[in-house]
């Protein structure tokens, strides 16, 4: 059957924001007895169709909060999926995990990925509002938000959305003043190291760029975090 592990146990992906914020990105991996360690792109569809996305999502929430308790110097980013939100009481599970681990909700970012199943984004609004009320930061794939909300930056239920060419093209087509800025940010991210930077947009129009460091196997995350901050300071100098 294999076992579930997190990418940061013992593999880590650290993200450093242009504001100096350090994030430990959490993502489940399946240790398959024949295929080895495989990521969500290989098993997510089956997990959603079978209902396993609920216990898997609950486990990931708990493990992410445990990681935040172990490493108080960093924020932890935990993935969520639409089918998980529709089939489970995610706000209650998050509250329980935060209480059990003694972690403040401000230390947690919930990243709503697009998933494999087709859903109506309107069906997610109630749970998103509850998660924001808890105090966690919400980051969403822009594909899950209505185009009008993306263009006007009004009525958002999340704190930030992921910037990509699709969003840039939408804003350009709708003559948004943000389009040139997104162009510049995406060009800079691509020139720096393709696939190694991530750009996000908040509802005020501010852009935040994250450097995505290569996954590294290291038993001492404190050393990895220290090196990450040192590299960031050198880049800012």
C-alpha atoms as a PDB file:
ATOM      1  CA  UNK A   1       0.000   0.000   0.000  1.00  0.00           C
ATOM      2  CA  UNK A   2       2.842   2.407   0.772  1.00  0.00           C
ATOM      3  CA  UNK A   3       2.948   5.224   3.289  1.00  0.00           C
ATOM      4  CA  UNK A   4       2.271   8.963   3.274  1.00  0.00           C
ATOM      5  CA  UNK A   5       5.067  11.421   4.031  1.00  0.00           C
ATOM      6  CA  UNK A   6       5.481  15.173   3.766  1.00  0.00           C
ATOM      7  CA  UNK A   7       7.919  16.712   1.350  1.00  0.00           C
ATOM      8  CA  UNK A   8       9.575  18.333   4.358  1.00  0.00           C
ATOM      9  CA  UNK A   9      10.095  15.110   6.266  1.00  0.00           C
ATOM     10  CA  UNK A  10      12.997  14.874   5.610  1.00  0.00           C
ATOM     11  CA  UNK A  11      12.708  16.961   2.393  1.00  0.00           C
ATOM     12  CA  UNK A  12      12.117  20.706   2.560  1.00  0.00           C
ATOM     13  CA  UNK A  13      11.166  23.426   0.152  1.00  0.00           C
ATOM     14  CA  UNK A  14      11.846  26.844   1.605  1.00  0.00           C
ATOM     15  CA  UNK A  15      10.329  29.975   0.084  1.00  0.00           C
ATOM     16  CA  UNK A  16      11.718  33.432   0.768  1.00  0.00           C
ATOM     17  CA  UNK A  17       9.471  36.389   0.036  1.00  0.00           C
ATOM     18  CA  UNK A  18      10.574  39.764  -1.239  1.00  0.00           C
ATOM     19  CA  UNK A  19       9.418  41.084   2.139  1.00  0.00           C
ATOM     20  CA  UNK A  20      11.832  38.743   3.953  1.00  0.00           C
ATOM     21  CA  UNK A  21       9.138  36.254   4.989  1.00  0.00           C
ATOM     22  CA  UNK A  22      10.352  32.643   5.209  1.00  0.00           C
ATOM     23  CA  UNK A  23       7.864  29.871   4.431  1.00  0.00           C
ATOM     24  CA  UNK A  24       8.189  26.112   4.781  1.00  0.00           C
ATOM     25  CA  UNK A  25       6.030  24.627   2.021  1.00  0.00           C
ATOM     26  CA  UNK A  26       4.257  21.414   3.018  1.00  0.00           C
ATOM     27  CA  UNK A  27       3.083  18.884   0.465  1.00  0.00           C
ATOM     28  CA  UNK A  28       2.164  15.203   0.845  1.00  0.00           C
ATOM     29  CA  UNK A  29       4.124  12.548  -0.956  1.00  0.00           C
ATOM     30  CA  UNK A  30       3.167   8.895  -1.299  1.00  0.00           C
ATOM     31  CA  UNK A  31       5.926   6.355  -0.756  1.00  0.00           C
ATOM     32  CA  UNK A  32       4.661   3.774  -3.255  1.00  0.00           C
ATOM     33  CA  UNK A  33       6.246   0.318  -2.833  1.00  0.00           C
ATOM     34  CA  UNK A  34       6.965   0.055  -6.573  1.00  0.00           C
ATOM     35  CA  UNK A  35       6.930   3.593  -7.982  1.00  0.00           C
ATOM     36  CA  UNK A  36       8.847   5.239  -5.158  1.00  0.00           C
ATOM     37  CA  UNK A  37       7.969   8.697  -3.847  1.00  0.00           C
ATOM     38  CA  UNK A  38       5.245  10.287  -5.996  1.00  0.00           C
ATOM     39  CA  UNK A  39       3.574  13.689  -5.764  1.00  0.00           C
ATOM     40  CA  UNK A  40      -0.055  14.882  -5.857  1.00  0.00           C
ATOM     41  CA  UNK A  41      -0.067  15.158  -9.640  1.00  0.00           C
ATOM     42  CA  UNK A  42       0.052  11.339  -9.699  1.00  0.00           C
ATOM     43  CA  UNK A  43      -2.519  10.502  -7.009  1.00  0.00           C
ATOM     44  CA  UNK A  44      -4.767  13.559  -6.519  1.00  0.00           C
ATOM     45  CA  UNK A  45      -7.480  12.547  -8.986  1.00  0.00           C
ATOM     46  CA  UNK A  46      -7.894   9.132  -7.321  1.00  0.00           C
ATOM     47  CA  UNK A  47      -7.883  10.734  -3.862  1.00  0.00           C
ATOM     48  CA  UNK A  48     -10.662  13.142  -4.881  1.00  0.00           C
ATOM     49  CA  UNK A  49     -12.784  10.481  -6.573  1.00  0.00           C
ATOM     50  CA  UNK A  50     -12.447   7.972  -3.729  1.00  0.00           C
ATOM     51  CA  UNK A  51     -12.990  10.427  -0.871  1.00  0.00           C
ATOM     52  CA  UNK A  52      -9.472   9.863   0.457  1.00  0.00           C
ATOM     53  CA  UNK A  53      -8.856  13.583  -0.043  1.00  0.00           C
ATOM     54  CA  UNK A  54     -10.637  14.186   3.306  1.00  0.00           C
ATOM     55  CA  UNK A  55      -8.418  12.061   5.606  1.00  0.00           C
ATOM     56  CA  UNK A  56      -5.358  13.038   3.567  1.00  0.00           C
ATOM     57  CA  UNK A  57      -6.235  16.718   3.916  1.00  0.00           C
ATOM     58  CA  UNK A  58      -6.903  16.370   7.660  1.00  0.00           C
ATOM     59  CA  UNK A  59      -3.543  14.624   8.102  1.00  0.00           C
ATOM     60  CA  UNK A  60      -1.741  17.329   6.125  1.00  0.00           C
ATOM     61  CA  UNK A  61      -3.334  20.091   8.214  1.00  0.00           C
ATOM     62  CA  UNK A  62      -2.275  18.392  11.436  1.00  0.00           C
ATOM     63  CA  UNK A  63       1.246  17.696  10.195  1.00  0.00           C
ATOM     64  CA  UNK A  64       1.639  21.259   8.933  1.00  0.00           C
ATOM     65  CA  UNK A  65       0.628  22.715  12.298  1.00  0.00           C
ATOM     66  CA  UNK A  66       3.060  20.357  14.025  1.00  0.00           C
ATOM     67  CA  UNK A  67       5.790  21.659  11.725  1.00  0.00           C
ATOM     68  CA  UNK A  68       4.873  25.254  12.622  1.00  0.00           C
ATOM     69  CA  UNK A  69       5.160  24.378  16.324  1.00  0.00           C
ATOM     70  CA  UNK A  70       8.619  22.864  15.800  1.00  0.00           C
ATOM     71  CA  UNK A  71       9.980  25.821  13.826  1.00  0.00           C
ATOM     72  CA  UNK A  72       8.572  29.085  15.250  1.00  0.00           C
ATOM     73  CA  UNK A  73      10.809  31.217  13.025  1.00  0.00           C
ATOM     74  CA  UNK A  74       8.921  30.361   9.844  1.00  0.00           C
ATOM     75  CA  UNK A  75       5.418  30.381   8.400  1.00  0.00           C
ATOM     76  CA  UNK A  76       4.068  27.047   7.144  1.00  0.00           C
ATOM     77  CA  UNK A  77       2.147  26.798   3.855  1.00  0.00           C
ATOM     78  CA  UNK A  78      -0.392  23.959   3.716  1.00  0.00           C
ATOM     79  CA  UNK A  79      -2.225  22.920   0.520  1.00  0.00           C
ATOM     80  CA  UNK A  80      -6.014  22.695   0.356  1.00  0.00           C
ATOM     81  CA  UNK A  81      -8.142  21.370  -2.484  1.00  0.00           C
ATOM     82  CA  UNK A  82     -11.705  22.323  -3.500  1.00  0.00           C
ATOM     83  CA  UNK A  83     -13.090  18.797  -3.074  1.00  0.00           C
ATOM     84  CA  UNK A  84     -11.574  18.706   0.409  1.00  0.00           C
ATOM     85  CA  UNK A  85     -13.346  21.961   1.328  1.00  0.00           C
ATOM     86  CA  UNK A  86     -16.674  20.688   0.002  1.00  0.00           C
ATOM     87  CA  UNK A  87     -16.483  17.270   1.691  1.00  0.00           C
ATOM     88  CA  UNK A  88     -14.983  18.160   5.077  1.00  0.00           C
ATOM     89  CA  UNK A  89     -15.313  20.741   7.846  1.00  0.00           C
ATOM     90  CA  UNK A  90     -11.873  22.235   7.196  1.00  0.00           C
ATOM     91  CA  UNK A  91     -12.322  25.259   9.541  1.00  0.00           C
ATOM     92  CA  UNK A  92     -13.085  22.929  12.437  1.00  0.00           C
ATOM     93  CA  UNK A  93     -10.145  20.669  11.602  1.00  0.00           C
ATOM     94  CA  UNK A  94      -7.835  23.688  11.382  1.00  0.00           C
ATOM     95  CA  UNK A  95      -9.035  25.045  14.729  1.00  0.00           C
ATOM     96  CA  UNK A  96      -8.458  21.641  16.323  1.00  0.00           C
ATOM     97  CA  UNK A  97      -4.945  21.300  14.854  1.00  0.00           C
ATOM     98  CA  UNK A  98      -3.992  24.838  15.931  1.00  0.00           C
ATOM     99  CA  UNK A  99      -5.189  24.213  19.501  1.00  0.00           C
ATOM    100  CA  UNK A 100      -3.482  20.843  19.801  1.00  0.00           C
ATOM    101  CA  UNK A 101      -0.174  22.213  18.494  1.00  0.00           C
ATOM    102  CA  UNK A 102      -0.318  25.556  20.287  1.00  0.00           C
ATOM    103  CA  UNK A 103       0.166  27.483  17.046  1.00  0.00           C
ATOM    104  CA  UNK A 104      -1.202  30.937  16.222  1.00  0.00           C
ATOM    105  CA  UNK A 105      -3.280  31.010  12.999  1.00  0.00           C
ATOM    106  CA  UNK A 106      -1.101  33.868  11.713  1.00  0.00           C
ATOM    107  CA  UNK A 107       1.708  31.315  11.399  1.00  0.00           C
ATOM    108  CA  UNK A 108      -0.242  29.316   8.801  1.00  0.00           C
ATOM    109  CA  UNK A 109      -0.879  29.964   5.125  1.00  0.00           C
ATOM    110  CA  UNK A 110      -3.528  27.853   3.399  1.00  0.00           C
ATOM    111  CA  UNK A 111      -2.910  27.472  -0.329  1.00  0.00           C
ATOM    112  CA  UNK A 112      -6.054  26.552  -2.241  1.00  0.00           C
ATOM    113  CA  UNK A 113      -4.923  24.616  -5.316  1.00  0.00           C
ATOM    114  CA  UNK A 114      -7.133  24.014  -8.332  1.00  0.00           C
ATOM    115  CA  UNK A 115      -7.281  20.230  -7.882  1.00  0.00           C
ATOM    116  CA  UNK A 116      -8.540  17.830 -10.546  1.00  0.00           C
ATOM    117  CA  UNK A 117     -12.318  17.961 -10.048  1.00  0.00           C
ATOM    118  CA  UNK A 118     -14.527  20.584 -11.661  1.00  0.00           C
ATOM    119  CA  UNK A 119     -16.288  22.696  -9.037  1.00  0.00           C
ATOM    120  CA  UNK A 120     -18.247  25.933  -8.797  1.00  0.00           C
ATOM    121  CA  UNK A 121     -16.051  28.498  -6.981  1.00  0.00           C
ATOM    122  CA  UNK A 122     -19.203  29.997  -5.421  1.00  0.00           C
ATOM    123  CA  UNK A 123     -19.618  26.790  -3.415  1.00  0.00           C
ATOM    124  CA  UNK A 124     -16.354  27.500  -1.593  1.00  0.00           C
ATOM    125  CA  UNK A 125     -17.173  30.978  -0.319  1.00  0.00           C
ATOM    126  CA  UNK A 126     -18.652  30.035   3.061  1.00  0.00           C
ATOM    127  CA  UNK A 127     -15.703  27.890   4.113  1.00  0.00           C
ATOM    128  CA  UNK A 128     -13.205  30.469   2.826  1.00  0.00           C
ATOM    129  CA  UNK A 129     -14.898  33.164   4.926  1.00  0.00           C
ATOM    130  CA  UNK A 130     -14.710  30.932   8.014  1.00  0.00           C
ATOM    131  CA  UNK A 131     -11.023  30.209   7.429  1.00  0.00           C
ATOM    132  CA  UNK A 132     -10.276  33.930   7.126  1.00  0.00           C
ATOM    133  CA  UNK A 133     -12.190  34.580  10.333  1.00  0.00           C
ATOM    134  CA  UNK A 134      -9.911  32.103  12.102  1.00  0.00           C
ATOM    135  CA  UNK A 135      -6.949  34.285  11.118  1.00  0.00           C
ATOM    136  CA  UNK A 136      -5.058  32.095   8.649  1.00  0.00           C
ATOM    137  CA  UNK A 137      -3.721  33.628   5.430  1.00  0.00           C
ATOM    138  CA  UNK A 138      -5.444  32.320   2.284  1.00  0.00           C
ATOM    139  CA  UNK A 139      -3.694  32.056  -1.072  1.00  0.00           C
ATOM    140  CA  UNK A 140      -5.638  30.848  -4.118  1.00  0.00           C
ATOM    141  CA  UNK A 141      -4.973  29.660  -7.642  1.00  0.00           C
ATOM    142  CA  UNK A 142      -6.467  32.435  -9.781  1.00  0.00           C
ATOM    143  CA  UNK A 143      -8.407  29.864 -11.822  1.00  0.00           C
ATOM    144  CA  UNK A 144     -10.733  29.438  -8.821  1.00  0.00           C
ATOM    145  CA  UNK A 145     -11.771  33.101  -8.740  1.00  0.00           C
ATOM    146  CA  UNK A 146     -14.264  34.922 -10.945  1.00  0.00           C
ATOM    147  CA  UNK A 147     -12.713  37.096 -13.627  1.00  0.00           C
ATOM    148  CA  UNK A 148     -14.541  40.251 -12.499  1.00  0.00           C
ATOM    149  CA  UNK A 149     -13.170  39.889  -8.976  1.00  0.00           C
ATOM    150  CA  UNK A 150      -9.649  39.438 -10.324  1.00  0.00           C
ATOM    151  CA  UNK A 151      -9.916  42.555 -12.476  1.00  0.00           C
ATOM    152  CA  UNK A 152     -11.550  44.829  -9.884  1.00  0.00           C
ATOM    153  CA  UNK A 153      -9.773  43.312  -6.843  1.00  0.00           C
ATOM    154  CA  UNK A 154     -13.050  43.542  -4.956  1.00  0.00           C
ATOM    155  CA  UNK A 155     -15.003  40.929  -3.046  1.00  0.00           C
ATOM    156  CA  UNK A 156     -11.987  38.693  -2.472  1.00  0.00           C
ATOM    157  CA  UNK A 157     -12.368  35.923   0.127  1.00  0.00           C
ATOM    158  CA  UNK A 158      -8.623  35.308   0.045  1.00  0.00           C
ATOM    159  CA  UNK A 159      -5.518  37.345   0.833  1.00  0.00           C
ATOM    160  CA  UNK A 160      -3.515  36.659  -2.332  1.00  0.00           C
ATOM    161  CA  UNK A 161      -3.793  34.922  -5.699  1.00  0.00           C
ATOM    162  CA  UNK A 162      -1.058  33.242  -7.698  1.00  0.00           C
ATOM    163  CA  UNK A 163       0.121  35.253 -10.710  1.00  0.00           C
ATOM    164  CA  UNK A 164       0.656  33.470 -14.036  1.00  0.00           C
ATOM    165  CA  UNK A 165       0.330  34.187 -17.752  1.00  0.00           C
ATOM    166  CA  UNK A 166      -3.388  33.451 -17.666  1.00  0.00           C
ATOM    167  CA  UNK A 167      -3.973  36.195 -15.097  1.00  0.00           C
ATOM    168  CA  UNK A 168      -1.684  38.597 -16.937  1.00  0.00           C
ATOM    169  CA  UNK A 169      -3.562  37.985 -20.213  1.00  0.00           C
ATOM    170  CA  UNK A 170      -6.928  38.471 -18.497  1.00  0.00           C
ATOM    171  CA  UNK A 171      -5.883  41.826 -17.025  1.00  0.00           C
ATOM    172  CA  UNK A 172      -4.401  42.913 -20.358  1.00  0.00           C
ATOM    173  CA  UNK A 173      -7.602  41.979 -22.196  1.00  0.00           C
ATOM    174  CA  UNK A 174      -9.645  43.952 -19.660  1.00  0.00           C
ATOM    175  CA  UNK A 175      -7.278  46.960 -19.915  1.00  0.00           C
ATOM    176  CA  UNK A 176      -6.257  46.764 -16.260  1.00  0.00           C
ATOM    177  CA  UNK A 177      -3.489  49.097 -15.127  1.00  0.00           C
ATOM    178  CA  UNK A 178      -1.993  46.108 -13.292  1.00  0.00           C
ATOM    179  CA  UNK A 179      -1.136  44.196 -16.476  1.00  0.00           C
ATOM    180  CA  UNK A 180       2.236  45.936 -17.165  1.00  0.00           C
ATOM    181  CA  UNK A 181       3.339  45.364 -13.579  1.00  0.00           C
ATOM    182  CA  UNK A 182       2.476  41.682 -13.824  1.00  0.00           C
ATOM    183  CA  UNK A 183       4.416  41.536 -17.081  1.00  0.00           C
ATOM    184  CA  UNK A 184       7.484  42.961 -15.381  1.00  0.00           C
ATOM    185  CA  UNK A 185       7.179  40.657 -12.369  1.00  0.00           C
ATOM    186  CA  UNK A 186       6.759  37.522 -14.479  1.00  0.00           C
ATOM    187  CA  UNK A 187       9.638  38.510 -16.765  1.00  0.00           C
ATOM    188  CA  UNK A 188      11.910  39.106 -13.773  1.00  0.00           C
ATOM    189  CA  UNK A 189      10.904  35.783 -12.215  1.00  0.00           C
ATOM    190  CA  UNK A 190      11.572  33.924 -15.467  1.00  0.00           C
ATOM    191  CA  UNK A 191      14.933  35.624 -15.996  1.00  0.00           C
ATOM    192  CA  UNK A 192      16.094  34.911 -12.452  1.00  0.00           C
ATOM    193  CA  UNK A 193      15.545  31.158 -12.658  1.00  0.00           C
ATOM    194  CA  UNK A 194      12.600  29.638 -14.558  1.00  0.00           C
ATOM    195  CA  UNK A 195      10.427  27.648 -12.169  1.00  0.00           C
ATOM    196  CA  UNK A 196      12.299  28.938  -9.135  1.00  0.00           C
ATOM    197  CA  UNK A 197      10.234  32.038  -8.394  1.00  0.00           C
ATOM    198  CA  UNK A 198       6.569  32.522  -7.621  1.00  0.00           C
ATOM    199  CA  UNK A 199       4.619  35.781  -7.866  1.00  0.00           C
ATOM    200  CA  UNK A 200       1.440  36.529  -5.909  1.00  0.00           C
ATOM    201  CA  UNK A 201      -0.992  39.468  -5.995  1.00  0.00           C
ATOM    202  CA  UNK A 202      -3.060  40.810  -3.104  1.00  0.00           C
ATOM    203  CA  UNK A 203      -6.372  42.680  -3.211  1.00  0.00           C
ATOM    204  CA  UNK A 204      -4.641  46.072  -2.883  1.00  0.00           C
ATOM    205  CA  UNK A 205      -2.621  45.470  -6.051  1.00  0.00           C
ATOM    206  CA  UNK A 206       0.660  44.769  -4.277  1.00  0.00           C
ATOM    207  CA  UNK A 207       2.910  42.058  -5.706  1.00  0.00           C
ATOM    208  CA  UNK A 208       4.968  39.636  -3.620  1.00  0.00           C
ATOM    209  CA  UNK A 209       7.710  37.499  -5.167  1.00  0.00           C
ATOM    210  CA  UNK A 210       8.975  34.289  -3.574  1.00  0.00           C
ATOM    211  CA  UNK A 211      12.249  32.574  -4.346  1.00  0.00           C
ATOM    212  CA  UNK A 212      11.585  28.817  -4.399  1.00  0.00           C
ATOM    213  CA  UNK A 213      14.671  27.050  -3.145  1.00  0.00           C
ATOM    214  CA  UNK A 214      15.466  23.550  -4.356  1.00  0.00           C
ATOM    215  CA  UNK A 215      14.290  20.730  -2.126  1.00  0.00           C
ATOM    216  CA  UNK A 216      17.135  19.615   0.121  1.00  0.00           C
ATOM    217  CA  UNK A 217      17.517  16.679   2.468  1.00  0.00           C
ATOM    218  CA  UNK A 218      18.761  18.079   5.751  1.00  0.00           C
ATOM    219  CA  UNK A 219      18.171  16.784   9.272  1.00  0.00           C
ATOM    220  CA  UNK A 220      18.777  20.243  10.695  1.00  0.00           C
ATOM    221  CA  UNK A 221      16.087  22.605   9.459  1.00  0.00           C
ATOM    222  CA  UNK A 222      17.448  25.340  11.704  1.00  0.00           C
ATOM    223  CA  UNK A 223      20.639  25.378   9.620  1.00  0.00           C
ATOM    224  CA  UNK A 224      18.618  25.451   6.401  1.00  0.00           C
ATOM    225  CA  UNK A 225      16.516  28.380   7.628  1.00  0.00           C
ATOM    226  CA  UNK A 226      19.626  30.246   8.766  1.00  0.00           C
ATOM    227  CA  UNK A 227      21.258  29.772   5.356  1.00  0.00           C
ATOM    228  CA  UNK A 228      18.045  30.861   3.639  1.00  0.00           C
ATOM    229  CA  UNK A 229      17.919  34.118   5.594  1.00  0.00           C
ATOM    230  CA  UNK A 230      21.615  34.733   4.953  1.00  0.00           C
ATOM    231  CA  UNK A 231      21.185  34.314   1.204  1.00  0.00           C
ATOM    232  CA  UNK A 232      18.190  36.647   1.267  1.00  0.00           C
ATOM    233  CA  UNK A 233      20.113  39.357   3.090  1.00  0.00           C
ATOM    234  CA  UNK A 234      22.919  39.095   0.548  1.00  0.00           C
ATOM    235  CA  UNK A 235      20.430  39.457  -2.304  1.00  0.00           C
ATOM    236  CA  UNK A 236      18.932  42.541  -0.675  1.00  0.00           C
ATOM    237  CA  UNK A 237      22.312  44.207  -0.058  1.00  0.00           C
END
